[in-house]
Amino acid sequence: MIKDSIQIKKDDKVKVIAGKDKGKVGKVLKVIHKKNRLLIENINVVKRHTKPNAQNRQGGILESEAPIHWSNVMLMCNKCIEPVRVKNKVLDDGKKVRICRKCNEIIDA
């Protein structure tokens, strides 16, 4: 499997651009690098039917977020307040940062 470079990190604000939750905005909870997927708050919510067990005495239908492929989301810029593409730049002090392509503002996590 080819590993792509993901420009999105944990706690980033992203907008879904494809799929059943298209148009929704959420915060990244977890980045799964091996599968190129993201776990996003209140996005791609699935229902799982469970039997009663030691952890869950009652059982029933549980709702939880499922991972979504990173190509189906775009990073939100804090200044533009819209989804943007990202470019990388190395500052004078050697620090590597992500920059918004529309307004050239530094995107901080």
PDB file of N, CA and C in Angstrom:
ATOM      1  N   MET A   1       0.841  -1.180   0.000  1.00  0.00           N
ATOM      2  CA  MET A   1       0.000   0.000   0.000  1.00  0.00           C
ATOM      3  C   MET A   1       0.890   1.248   0.000  1.00  0.00           C
ATOM      4  N   ILE A   2       0.526   2.224  -0.811  1.00  0.00           N
ATOM      5  CA  ILE A   2       1.279   3.468  -0.903  1.00  0.00           C
ATOM      6  C   ILE A   2       0.838   4.398   0.226  1.00  0.00           C
ATOM      7  N   LYS A   3       1.804   4.917   0.960  1.00  0.00           N
ATOM      8  CA  LYS A   3       1.482   5.825   2.054  1.00  0.00           C
ATOM      9  C   LYS A   3       1.517   7.255   1.532  1.00  0.00           C
ATOM     10  N   ASP A   4       0.382   7.945   1.641  1.00  0.00           N
ATOM     11  CA  ASP A   4       0.296   9.335   1.212  1.00  0.00           C
ATOM     12  C   ASP A   4       0.644  10.253   2.373  1.00  0.00           C
ATOM     13  N   SER A   5       1.014  11.487   2.050  1.00  0.00           N
ATOM     14  CA  SER A   5       1.305  12.435   3.116  1.00  0.00           C
ATOM     15  C   SER A   5       0.020  13.165   3.486  1.00  0.00           C
ATOM     16  N   ILE A   6      -0.332  13.101   4.746  1.00  0.00           N
ATOM     17  CA  ILE A   6      -1.551  13.728   5.234  1.00  0.00           C
ATOM     18  C   ILE A   6      -1.180  15.079   5.847  1.00  0.00           C
ATOM     19  N   GLN A   7      -1.789  16.158   5.358  1.00  0.00           N
ATOM     20  CA  GLN A   7      -1.507  17.497   5.859  1.00  0.00           C
ATOM     21  C   GLN A   7      -2.399  17.858   7.042  1.00  0.00           C
ATOM     22  N   ILE A   8      -3.176  16.895   7.525  1.00  0.00           N
ATOM     23  CA  ILE A   8      -4.130  17.150   8.594  1.00  0.00           C
ATOM     24  C   ILE A   8      -3.643  16.480   9.872  1.00  0.00           C
ATOM     25  N   LYS A   9      -3.760  17.198  10.994  1.00  0.00           N
ATOM     26  CA  LYS A   9      -3.307  16.693  12.286  1.00  0.00           C
ATOM     27  C   LYS A   9      -4.470  16.639  13.271  1.00  0.00           C
ATOM     28  N   LYS A  10      -4.223  16.028  14.419  1.00  0.00           N
ATOM     29  CA  LYS A  10      -5.218  15.950  15.479  1.00  0.00           C
ATOM     30  C   LYS A  10      -5.599  17.362  15.938  1.00  0.00           C
ATOM     31  N   ASP A  11      -6.866  17.566  16.261  1.00  0.00           N
ATOM     32  CA  ASP A  11      -7.443  18.842  16.729  1.00  0.00           C
ATOM     33  C   ASP A  11      -7.593  19.886  15.623  1.00  0.00           C
ATOM     34  N   ASP A  12      -7.335  19.538  14.360  1.00  0.00           N
ATOM     35  CA  ASP A  12      -7.595  20.456  13.252  1.00  0.00           C
ATOM     36  C   ASP A  12      -9.093  20.507  12.976  1.00  0.00           C
ATOM     37  N   LYS A  13      -9.542  21.636  12.430  1.00  0.00           N
ATOM     38  CA  LYS A  13     -10.935  21.786  12.029  1.00  0.00           C
ATOM     39  C   LYS A  13     -10.999  21.474  10.535  1.00  0.00           C
ATOM     40  N   VAL A  14     -11.872  20.525  10.158  1.00  0.00           N
ATOM     41  CA  VAL A  14     -11.969  20.118   8.752  1.00  0.00           C
ATOM     42  C   VAL A  14     -13.415  20.150   8.276  1.00  0.00           C
ATOM     43  N   LYS A  15     -13.579  20.246   6.953  1.00  0.00           N
ATOM     44  CA  LYS A  15     -14.904  20.220   6.331  1.00  0.00           C
ATOM     45  C   LYS A  15     -14.958  19.025   5.393  1.00  0.00           C
ATOM     46  N   VAL A  16     -16.057  18.266   5.444  1.00  0.00           N
ATOM     47  CA  VAL A  16     -16.227  17.090   4.596  1.00  0.00           C
ATOM     48  C   VAL A  16     -16.644  17.565   3.208  1.00  0.00           C
ATOM     49  N   ILE A  17     -15.923  17.111   2.163  1.00  0.00           N
ATOM     50  CA  ILE A  17     -16.212  17.545   0.797  1.00  0.00           C
ATOM     51  C   ILE A  17     -16.823  16.445  -0.054  1.00  0.00           C
ATOM     52  N   ALA A  18     -16.921  15.224   0.492  1.00  0.00           N
ATOM     53  CA  ALA A  18     -17.503  14.114  -0.261  1.00  0.00           C
ATOM     54  C   ALA A  18     -18.107  13.102   0.704  1.00  0.00           C
ATOM     55  N   GLY A  19     -19.154  12.417   0.252  1.00  0.00           N
ATOM     56  CA  GLY A  19     -19.766  11.376   1.065  1.00  0.00           C
ATOM     57  C   GLY A  19     -21.094  11.806   1.648  1.00  0.00           C
ATOM     58  N   LYS A  20     -21.634  10.974   2.537  1.00  0.00           N
ATOM     59  CA  LYS A  20     -22.972  11.222   3.080  1.00  0.00           C
ATOM     60  C   LYS A  20     -23.027  12.436   4.006  1.00  0.00           C
ATOM     61  N   ASP A  21     -21.907  12.829   4.590  1.00  0.00           N
ATOM     62  CA  ASP A  21     -21.865  13.981   5.494  1.00  0.00           C
ATOM     63  C   ASP A  21     -21.274  15.223   4.828  1.00  0.00           C
ATOM     64  N   LYS A  22     -21.382  15.318   3.509  1.00  0.00           N
ATOM     65  CA  LYS A  22     -20.807  16.436   2.755  1.00  0.00           C
ATOM     66  C   LYS A  22     -21.325  17.775   3.282  1.00  0.00           C
ATOM     67  N   GLY A  23     -20.377  18.707   3.516  1.00  0.00           N
ATOM     68  CA  GLY A  23     -20.739  20.032   3.995  1.00  0.00           C
ATOM     69  C   GLY A  23     -20.607  20.214   5.498  1.00  0.00           C
ATOM     70  N   LYS A  24     -20.493  19.130   6.249  1.00  0.00           N
ATOM     71  CA  LYS A  24     -20.382  19.225   7.702  1.00  0.00           C
ATOM     72  C   LYS A  24     -18.952  19.570   8.116  1.00  0.00           C
ATOM     73  N   VAL A  25     -18.835  20.266   9.250  1.00  0.00           N
ATOM     74  CA  VAL A  25     -17.540  20.660   9.790  1.00  0.00           C
ATOM     75  C   VAL A  25     -17.348  19.974  11.138  1.00  0.00           C
ATOM     76  N   GLY A  26     -16.142  19.474  11.388  1.00  0.00           N
ATOM     77  CA  GLY A  26     -15.863  18.809  12.658  1.00  0.00           C
ATOM     78  C   GLY A  26     -14.393  18.883  13.020  1.00  0.00           C
ATOM     79  N   LYS A  27     -14.083  18.442  14.242  1.00  0.00           N
ATOM     80  CA  LYS A  27     -12.716  18.449  14.751  1.00  0.00           C
ATOM     81  C   LYS A  27     -12.138  17.049  14.642  1.00  0.00           C
ATOM     82  N   VAL A  28     -10.890  16.948  14.222  1.00  0.00           N
ATOM     83  CA  VAL A  28     -10.220  15.654  14.073  1.00  0.00           C
ATOM     84  C   VAL A  28      -9.889  15.106  15.457  1.00  0.00           C
ATOM     85  N   LEU A  29     -10.391  13.899  15.747  1.00  0.00           N
ATOM     86  CA  LEU A  29     -10.137  13.253  17.030  1.00  0.00           C
ATOM     87  C   LEU A  29      -8.904  12.355  16.974  1.00  0.00           C
ATOM     88  N   LYS A  30      -8.685  11.716  15.807  1.00  0.00           N
ATOM     89  CA  LYS A  30      -7.585  10.763  15.680  1.00  0.00           C
ATOM     90  C   LYS A  30      -7.177  10.653  14.217  1.00  0.00           C
ATOM     91  N   VAL A  31      -5.885  10.502  13.965  1.00  0.00           N
ATOM     92  CA  VAL A  31      -5.359  10.280  12.619  1.00  0.00           C
ATOM     93  C   VAL A  31      -4.815   8.861  12.565  1.00  0.00           C
ATOM     94  N   ILE A  32      -5.321   8.053  11.608  1.00  0.00           N
ATOM     95  CA  ILE A  32      -4.867   6.676  11.446  1.00  0.00           C
ATOM     96  C   ILE A  32      -3.983   6.641  10.197  1.00  0.00           C
ATOM     97  N   HIS A  33      -2.663   6.759  10.383  1.00  0.00           N
ATOM     98  CA  HIS A  33      -1.723   6.894   9.269  1.00  0.00           C
ATOM     99  C   HIS A  33      -1.653   5.651   8.389  1.00  0.00           C
ATOM    100  N   LYS A  34      -1.727   4.460   8.978  1.00  0.00           N
ATOM    101  CA  LYS A  34      -1.576   3.230   8.194  1.00  0.00           C
ATOM    102  C   LYS A  34      -2.677   3.069   7.154  1.00  0.00           C
ATOM    103  N   LYS A  35      -3.883   3.534   7.462  1.00  0.00           N
ATOM    104  CA  LYS A  35      -5.007   3.384   6.542  1.00  0.00           C
ATOM    105  C   LYS A  35      -5.407   4.695   5.878  1.00  0.00           C
ATOM    106  N   ASN A  36      -4.642   5.781   6.104  1.00  0.00           N
ATOM    107  CA  ASN A  36      -4.939   7.103   5.541  1.00  0.00           C
ATOM    108  C   ASN A  36      -6.352   7.573   5.888  1.00  0.00           C
ATOM    109  N   ARG A  37      -6.733   7.400   7.140  1.00  0.00           N
ATOM    110  CA  ARG A  37      -8.093   7.748   7.568  1.00  0.00           C
ATOM    111  C   ARG A  37      -8.074   8.666   8.783  1.00  0.00           C
ATOM    112  N   LEU A  38      -9.195   9.380   8.967  1.00  0.00           N
ATOM    113  CA  LEU A  38      -9.353  10.297  10.082  1.00  0.00           C
ATOM    114  C   LEU A  38     -10.617   9.957  10.850  1.00  0.00           C
ATOM    115  N   LEU A  39     -10.572  10.134  12.159  1.00  0.00           N
ATOM    116  CA  LEU A  39     -11.759   9.998  12.985  1.00  0.00           C
ATOM    117  C   LEU A  39     -12.177  11.419  13.352  1.00  0.00           C
ATOM    118  N   ILE A  40     -13.379  11.822  12.912  1.00  0.00           N
ATOM    119  CA  ILE A  40     -13.821  13.201  13.075  1.00  0.00           C
ATOM    120  C   ILE A  40     -15.068  13.244  13.948  1.00  0.00           C
ATOM    121  N   GLU A  41     -15.119  14.245  14.819  1.00  0.00           N
ATOM    122  CA  GLU A  41     -16.212  14.410  15.769  1.00  0.00           C
ATOM    123  C   GLU A  41     -17.552  14.601  15.054  1.00  0.00           C
ATOM    124  N   ASN A  42     -18.531  13.755  15.374  1.00  0.00           N
ATOM    125  CA  ASN A  42     -19.904  13.800  14.832  1.00  0.00           C
ATOM    126  C   ASN A  42     -19.987  13.672  13.316  1.00  0.00           C
ATOM    127  N   ILE A  43     -18.996  13.039  12.679  1.00  0.00           N
ATOM    128  CA  ILE A  43     -19.013  12.797  11.240  1.00  0.00           C
ATOM    129  C   ILE A  43     -18.954  11.293  11.009  1.00  0.00           C
ATOM    130  N   ASN A  44     -19.694  10.793  10.020  1.00  0.00           N
ATOM    131  CA  ASN A  44     -19.751   9.379   9.666  1.00  0.00           C
ATOM    132  C   ASN A  44     -20.172   8.530  10.875  1.00  0.00           C
ATOM    133  N   VAL A  45     -21.279   8.929  11.493  1.00  0.00           N
ATOM    134  CA  VAL A  45     -21.792   8.225  12.667  1.00  0.00           C
ATOM    135  C   VAL A  45     -22.492   6.954  12.211  1.00  0.00           C
ATOM    136  N   VAL A  46     -22.095   5.817  12.812  1.00  0.00           N
ATOM    137  CA  VAL A  46     -22.678   4.525  12.467  1.00  0.00           C
ATOM    138  C   VAL A  46     -23.329   3.924  13.705  1.00  0.00           C
ATOM    139  N   LYS A  47     -24.336   3.068  13.471  1.00  0.00           N
ATOM    140  CA  LYS A  47     -25.028   2.400  14.565  1.00  0.00           C
ATOM    141  C   LYS A  47     -24.561   0.958  14.629  1.00  0.00           C
ATOM    142  N   ARG A  48     -24.235   0.502  15.824  1.00  0.00           N
ATOM    143  CA  ARG A  48     -23.794  -0.871  16.026  1.00  0.00           C
ATOM    144  C   ARG A  48     -24.722  -1.545  17.019  1.00  0.00           C
ATOM    145  N   HIS A  49     -25.291  -2.680  16.628  1.00  0.00           N
ATOM    146  CA  HIS A  49     -26.179  -3.437  17.501  1.00  0.00           C
ATOM    147  C   HIS A  49     -25.320  -4.368  18.364  1.00  0.00           C
ATOM    148  N   THR A  50     -25.455  -4.256  19.672  1.00  0.00           N
ATOM    149  CA  THR A  50     -24.616  -5.046  20.574  1.00  0.00           C
ATOM    150  C   THR A  50     -25.457  -5.869  21.540  1.00  0.00           C
ATOM    151  N   LYS A  51     -24.922  -7.025  21.895  1.00  0.00           N
ATOM    152  CA  LYS A  51     -25.548  -7.871  22.910  1.00  0.00           C
ATOM    153  C   LYS A  51     -25.065  -7.411  24.282  1.00  0.00           C
ATOM    154  N   PRO A  52     -25.812  -7.686  25.313  1.00  0.00           N
ATOM    155  CA  PRO A  52     -25.329  -7.365  26.663  1.00  0.00           C
ATOM    156  C   PRO A  52     -24.061  -8.155  26.991  1.00  0.00           C
ATOM    157  N   ASN A  53     -23.094  -7.500  27.652  1.00  0.00           N
ATOM    158  CA  ASN A  53     -21.862  -8.160  28.076  1.00  0.00           C
ATOM    159  C   ASN A  53     -21.360  -7.523  29.366  1.00  0.00           C
ATOM    160  N   ALA A  54     -20.150  -7.848  29.766  1.00  0.00           N
ATOM    161  CA  ALA A  54     -19.615  -7.345  31.035  1.00  0.00           C
ATOM    162  C   ALA A  54     -19.478  -5.820  31.041  1.00  0.00           C
ATOM    163  N   GLN A  55     -19.015  -5.234  29.938  1.00  0.00           N
ATOM    164  CA  GLN A  55     -18.836  -3.785  29.879  1.00  0.00           C
ATOM    165  C   GLN A  55     -20.180  -3.071  29.702  1.00  0.00           C
ATOM    166  N   ASN A  56     -21.045  -3.625  28.851  1.00  0.00           N
ATOM    167  CA  ASN A  56     -22.322  -3.002  28.533  1.00  0.00           C
ATOM    168  C   ASN A  56     -23.450  -3.933  28.985  1.00  0.00           C
ATOM    169  N   ARG A  57     -23.959  -3.692  30.175  1.00  0.00           N
ATOM    170  CA  ARG A  57     -24.969  -4.582  30.765  1.00  0.00           C
ATOM    171  C   ARG A  57     -26.259  -4.629  29.952  1.00  0.00           C
ATOM    172  N   GLN A  58     -26.663  -3.487  29.405  1.00  0.00           N
ATOM    173  CA  GLN A  58     -27.964  -3.420  28.752  1.00  0.00           C
ATOM    174  C   GLN A  58     -27.931  -3.866  27.295  1.00  0.00           C
ATOM    175  N   GLY A  59     -26.855  -3.583  26.589  1.00  0.00           N
ATOM    176  CA  GLY A  59     -26.813  -3.891  25.159  1.00  0.00           C
ATOM    177  C   GLY A  59     -27.615  -2.858  24.396  1.00  0.00           C
ATOM    178  N   GLY A  60     -28.028  -3.181  23.177  1.00  0.00           N
ATOM    179  CA  GLY A  60     -28.842  -2.257  22.385  1.00  0.00           C
ATOM    180  C   GLY A  60     -28.065  -1.661  21.232  1.00  0.00           C
ATOM    181  N   ILE A  61     -28.501  -0.494  20.782  1.00  0.00           N
ATOM    182  CA  ILE A  61     -27.898   0.164  19.627  1.00  0.00           C
ATOM    183  C   ILE A  61     -26.970   1.272  20.111  1.00  0.00           C
ATOM    184  N   LEU A  62     -25.692   1.170  19.763  1.00  0.00           N
ATOM    185  CA  LEU A  62     -24.701   2.179  20.121  1.00  0.00           C
ATOM    186  C   LEU A  62     -24.317   2.980  18.887  1.00  0.00           C
ATOM    187  N   GLU A  63     -24.205   4.302  19.036  1.00  0.00           N
ATOM    188  CA  GLU A  63     -23.775   5.154  17.931  1.00  0.00           C
ATOM    189  C   GLU A  63     -22.344   5.603  18.183  1.00  0.00           C
ATOM    190  N   SER A  64     -21.496   5.516  17.144  1.00  0.00           N
ATOM    191  CA  SER A  64     -20.116   5.967  17.262  1.00  0.00           C
ATOM    192  C   SER A  64     -19.620   6.444  15.902  1.00  0.00           C
ATOM    193  N   GLU A  65     -18.523   7.211  15.920  1.00  0.00           N
ATOM    194  CA  GLU A  65     -17.931   7.702  14.679  1.00  0.00           C
ATOM    195  C   GLU A  65     -17.086   6.618  14.036  1.00  0.00           C
ATOM    196  N   ALA A  66     -17.156   6.540  12.714  1.00  0.00           N
ATOM    197  CA  ALA A  66     -16.315   5.624  11.956  1.00  0.00           C
ATOM    198  C   ALA A  66     -15.277   6.453  11.208  1.00  0.00           C
ATOM    199  N   PRO A  67     -14.107   5.887  10.930  1.00  0.00           N
ATOM    200  CA  PRO A  67     -13.073   6.640  10.201  1.00  0.00           C
ATOM    201  C   PRO A  67     -13.514   6.981   8.778  1.00  0.00           C
ATOM    202  N   ILE A  68     -13.014   8.121   8.291  1.00  0.00           N
ATOM    203  CA  ILE A  68     -13.305   8.583   6.933  1.00  0.00           C
ATOM    204  C   ILE A  68     -11.971   8.827   6.234  1.00  0.00           C
ATOM    205  N   HIS A  69     -11.897   8.556   4.935  1.00  0.00           N
ATOM    206  CA  HIS A  69     -10.634   8.723   4.211  1.00  0.00           C
ATOM    207  C   HIS A  69     -10.251  10.196   4.168  1.00  0.00           C
ATOM    208  N   TRP A  70      -8.968  10.486   4.300  1.00  0.00           N
ATOM    209  CA  TRP A  70      -8.520  11.879   4.391  1.00  0.00           C
ATOM    210  C   TRP A  70      -8.743  12.672   3.115  1.00  0.00           C
ATOM    211  N   SER A  71      -8.895  11.982   1.974  1.00  0.00           N
ATOM    212  CA  SER A  71      -9.118  12.705   0.719  1.00  0.00           C
ATOM    213  C   SER A  71     -10.524  13.289   0.629  1.00  0.00           C
ATOM    214  N   ASN A  72     -11.416  12.870   1.525  1.00  0.00           N
ATOM    215  CA  ASN A  72     -12.789  13.367   1.522  1.00  0.00           C
ATOM    216  C   ASN A  72     -12.995  14.569   2.427  1.00  0.00           C
ATOM    217  N   VAL A  73     -11.914  15.116   2.981  1.00  0.00           N
ATOM    218  CA  VAL A  73     -12.024  16.303   3.836  1.00  0.00           C
ATOM    219  C   VAL A  73     -11.006  17.351   3.413  1.00  0.00           C
ATOM    220  N   MET A  74     -11.285  18.615   3.774  1.00  0.00           N
ATOM    221  CA  MET A  74     -10.343  19.708   3.545  1.00  0.00           C
ATOM    222  C   MET A  74     -10.156  20.472   4.842  1.00  0.00           C
ATOM    223  N   LEU A  75      -8.949  20.948   5.046  1.00  0.00           N
ATOM    224  CA  LEU A  75      -8.604  21.715   6.235  1.00  0.00           C
ATOM    225  C   LEU A  75      -9.276  23.086   6.181  1.00  0.00           C
ATOM    226  N   MET A  76      -9.787  23.552   7.325  1.00  0.00           N
ATOM    227  CA  MET A  76     -10.420  24.873   7.401  1.00  0.00           C
ATOM    228  C   MET A  76      -9.395  25.894   7.883  1.00  0.00           C
ATOM    229  N   CYS A  77      -9.344  27.036   7.208  1.00  0.00           N
ATOM    230  CA  CYS A  77      -8.470  28.136   7.611  1.00  0.00           C
ATOM    231  C   CYS A  77      -9.210  28.994   8.632  1.00  0.00           C
ATOM    232  N   ASN A  78      -8.526  29.407   9.689  1.00  0.00           N
ATOM    233  CA  ASN A  78      -9.157  30.225  10.726  1.00  0.00           C
ATOM    234  C   ASN A  78      -9.449  31.641  10.242  1.00  0.00           C
ATOM    235  N   LYS A  79      -8.616  32.170   9.356  1.00  0.00           N
ATOM    236  CA  LYS A  79      -8.808  33.541   8.867  1.00  0.00           C
ATOM    237  C   LYS A  79      -9.825  33.585   7.733  1.00  0.00           C
ATOM    238  N   CYS A  80      -9.691  32.682   6.755  1.00  0.00           N
ATOM    239  CA  CYS A  80     -10.609  32.655   5.598  1.00  0.00           C
ATOM    240  C   CYS A  80     -11.997  32.136   5.989  1.00  0.00           C
ATOM    241  N   ILE A  81     -12.048  31.272   7.012  1.00  0.00           N
ATOM    242  CA  ILE A  81     -13.260  30.582   7.457  1.00  0.00           C
ATOM    243  C   ILE A  81     -13.871  29.780   6.311  1.00  0.00           C
ATOM    244  N   GLU A  82     -13.033  29.113   5.544  1.00  0.00           N
ATOM    245  CA  GLU A  82     -13.477  28.224   4.479  1.00  0.00           C
ATOM    246  C   GLU A  82     -12.416  27.161   4.235  1.00  0.00           C
ATOM    247  N   PRO A  83     -12.790  26.051   3.570  1.00  0.00           N
ATOM    248  CA  PRO A  83     -11.803  24.998   3.317  1.00  0.00           C
ATOM    249  C   PRO A  83     -10.729  25.454   2.333  1.00  0.00           C
ATOM    250  N   VAL A  84      -9.492  25.099   2.618  1.00  0.00           N
ATOM    251  CA  VAL A  84      -8.369  25.556   1.795  1.00  0.00           C
ATOM    252  C   VAL A  84      -7.373  24.434   1.543  1.00  0.00           C
ATOM    253  N   ARG A  85      -6.566  24.613   0.507  1.00  0.00           N
ATOM    254  CA  ARG A  85      -5.422  23.739   0.284  1.00  0.00           C
ATOM    255  C   ARG A  85      -4.268  24.280   1.115  1.00  0.00           C
ATOM    256  N   VAL A  86      -3.298  23.408   1.381  1.00  0.00           N
ATOM    257  CA  VAL A  86      -2.214  23.758   2.291  1.00  0.00           C
ATOM    258  C   VAL A  86      -0.876  23.632   1.586  1.00  0.00           C
ATOM    259  N   LYS A  87       0.039  24.543   1.918  1.00  0.00           N
ATOM    260  CA  LYS A  87       1.420  24.388   1.462  1.00  0.00           C
ATOM    261  C   LYS A  87       2.326  24.441   2.681  1.00  0.00           C
ATOM    262  N   ASN A  88       3.473  23.801   2.569  1.00  0.00           N
ATOM    263  CA  ASN A  88       4.434  23.766   3.668  1.00  0.00           C
ATOM    264  C   ASN A  88       5.538  24.781   3.415  1.00  0.00           C
ATOM    265  N   LYS A  89       6.054  25.360   4.494  1.00  0.00           N
ATOM    266  CA  LYS A  89       7.138  26.330   4.392  1.00  0.00           C
ATOM    267  C   LYS A  89       8.027  26.184   5.622  1.00  0.00           C
ATOM    268  N   VAL A  90       9.323  26.329   5.425  1.00  0.00           N
ATOM    269  CA  VAL A  90      10.268  26.299   6.538  1.00  0.00           C
ATOM    270  C   VAL A  90      10.618  27.738   6.877  1.00  0.00           C
ATOM    271  N   LEU A  91      10.385  28.129   8.137  1.00  0.00           N
ATOM    272  CA  LEU A  91      10.684  29.489   8.586  1.00  0.00           C
ATOM    273  C   LEU A  91      12.185  29.658   8.801  1.00  0.00           C
ATOM    274  N   ASP A  92      12.613  30.888   9.071  1.00  0.00           N
ATOM    275  CA  ASP A  92      14.034  31.196   9.262  1.00  0.00           C
ATOM    276  C   ASP A  92      14.650  30.430  10.430  1.00  0.00           C
ATOM    277  N   ASP A  93      13.852  30.191  11.477  1.00  0.00           N
ATOM    278  CA  ASP A  93      14.379  29.484  12.642  1.00  0.00           C
ATOM    279  C   ASP A  93      14.379  27.970  12.463  1.00  0.00           C
ATOM    280  N   GLY A  94      14.005  27.465  11.268  1.00  0.00           N
ATOM    281  CA  GLY A  94      14.038  26.042  10.973  1.00  0.00           C
ATOM    282  C   GLY A  94      12.743  25.317  11.286  1.00  0.00           C
ATOM    283  N   LYS A  95      11.740  26.044  11.739  1.00  0.00           N
ATOM    284  CA  LYS A  95      10.456  25.430  12.078  1.00  0.00           C
ATOM    285  C   LYS A  95       9.622  25.250  10.814  1.00  0.00           C
ATOM    286  N   LYS A  96       9.011  24.052  10.677  1.00  0.00           N
ATOM    287  CA  LYS A  96       8.191  23.732   9.514  1.00  0.00           C
ATOM    288  C   LYS A  96       6.732  24.047   9.842  1.00  0.00           C
ATOM    289  N   VAL A  97       6.065  24.858   8.993  1.00  0.00           N
ATOM    290  CA  VAL A  97       4.679  25.253   9.256  1.00  0.00           C
ATOM    291  C   VAL A  97       3.805  25.013   8.030  1.00  0.00           C
ATOM    292  N   ARG A  98       2.486  24.934   8.274  1.00  0.00           N
ATOM    293  CA  ARG A  98       1.505  24.822   7.191  1.00  0.00           C
ATOM    294  C   ARG A  98       0.924  26.202   6.924  1.00  0.00           C
ATOM    295  N   ILE A  99       0.759  26.531   5.644  1.00  0.00           N
ATOM    296  CA  ILE A  99       0.283  27.859   5.264  1.00  0.00           C
ATOM    297  C   ILE A  99      -0.926  27.733   4.348  1.00  0.00           C
ATOM    298  N   CYS A 100      -1.920  28.604   4.569  1.00  0.00           N
ATOM    299  CA  CYS A 100      -3.125  28.661   3.739  1.00  0.00           C
ATOM    300  C   CYS A 100      -2.749  29.204   2.364  1.00  0.00           C
ATOM    301  N   ARG A 101      -3.216  28.549   1.299  1.00  0.00           N
ATOM    302  CA  ARG A 101      -2.890  28.990  -0.058  1.00  0.00           C
ATOM    303  C   ARG A 101      -3.677  30.229  -0.480  1.00  0.00           C
ATOM    304  N   LYS A 102      -4.804  30.516   0.196  1.00  0.00           N
ATOM    305  CA  LYS A 102      -5.630  31.655  -0.201  1.00  0.00           C
ATOM    306  C   LYS A 102      -5.153  32.959   0.450  1.00  0.00           C
ATOM    307  N   CYS A 103      -4.891  32.917   1.772  1.00  0.00           N
ATOM    308  CA  CYS A 103      -4.555  34.159   2.480  1.00  0.00           C
ATOM    309  C   CYS A 103      -3.119  34.192   3.003  1.00  0.00           C
ATOM    310  N   ASN A 104      -2.335  33.131   2.746  1.00  0.00           N
ATOM    311  CA  ASN A 104      -0.941  33.019   3.200  1.00  0.00           C
ATOM    312  C   ASN A 104      -0.785  33.182   4.712  1.00  0.00           C
ATOM    313  N   GLU A 105      -1.805  32.767   5.463  1.00  0.00           N
ATOM    314  CA  GLU A 105      -1.763  32.807   6.930  1.00  0.00           C
ATOM    315  C   GLU A 105      -1.260  31.462   7.459  1.00  0.00           C
ATOM    316  N   ILE A 106      -0.486  31.475   8.532  1.00  0.00           N
ATOM    317  CA  ILE A 106       0.006  30.238   9.138  1.00  0.00           C
ATOM    318  C   ILE A 106      -1.151  29.532   9.822  1.00  0.00           C
ATOM    319  N   ILE A 107      -1.298  28.233   9.538  1.00  0.00           N
ATOM    320  CA  ILE A 107      -2.358  27.427  10.150  1.00  0.00           C
ATOM    321  C   ILE A 107      -1.758  26.721  11.344  1.00  0.00           C
ATOM    322  N   ASP A 108      -2.286  27.026  12.520  1.00  0.00           N
ATOM    323  CA  ASP A 108      -1.794  26.365  13.731  1.00  0.00           C
ATOM    324  C   ASP A 108      -2.830  25.377  14.225  1.00  0.00           C
ATOM    325  N   ALA A 109      -2.345  24.265  14.762  1.00  0.00           N
ATOM    326  CA  ALA A 109      -3.236  23.176  15.202  1.00  0.00           C
ATOM    327  C   ALA A 109      -3.983  23.526  16.455  1.00  0.00           C
TER     328      ALA A 109
END
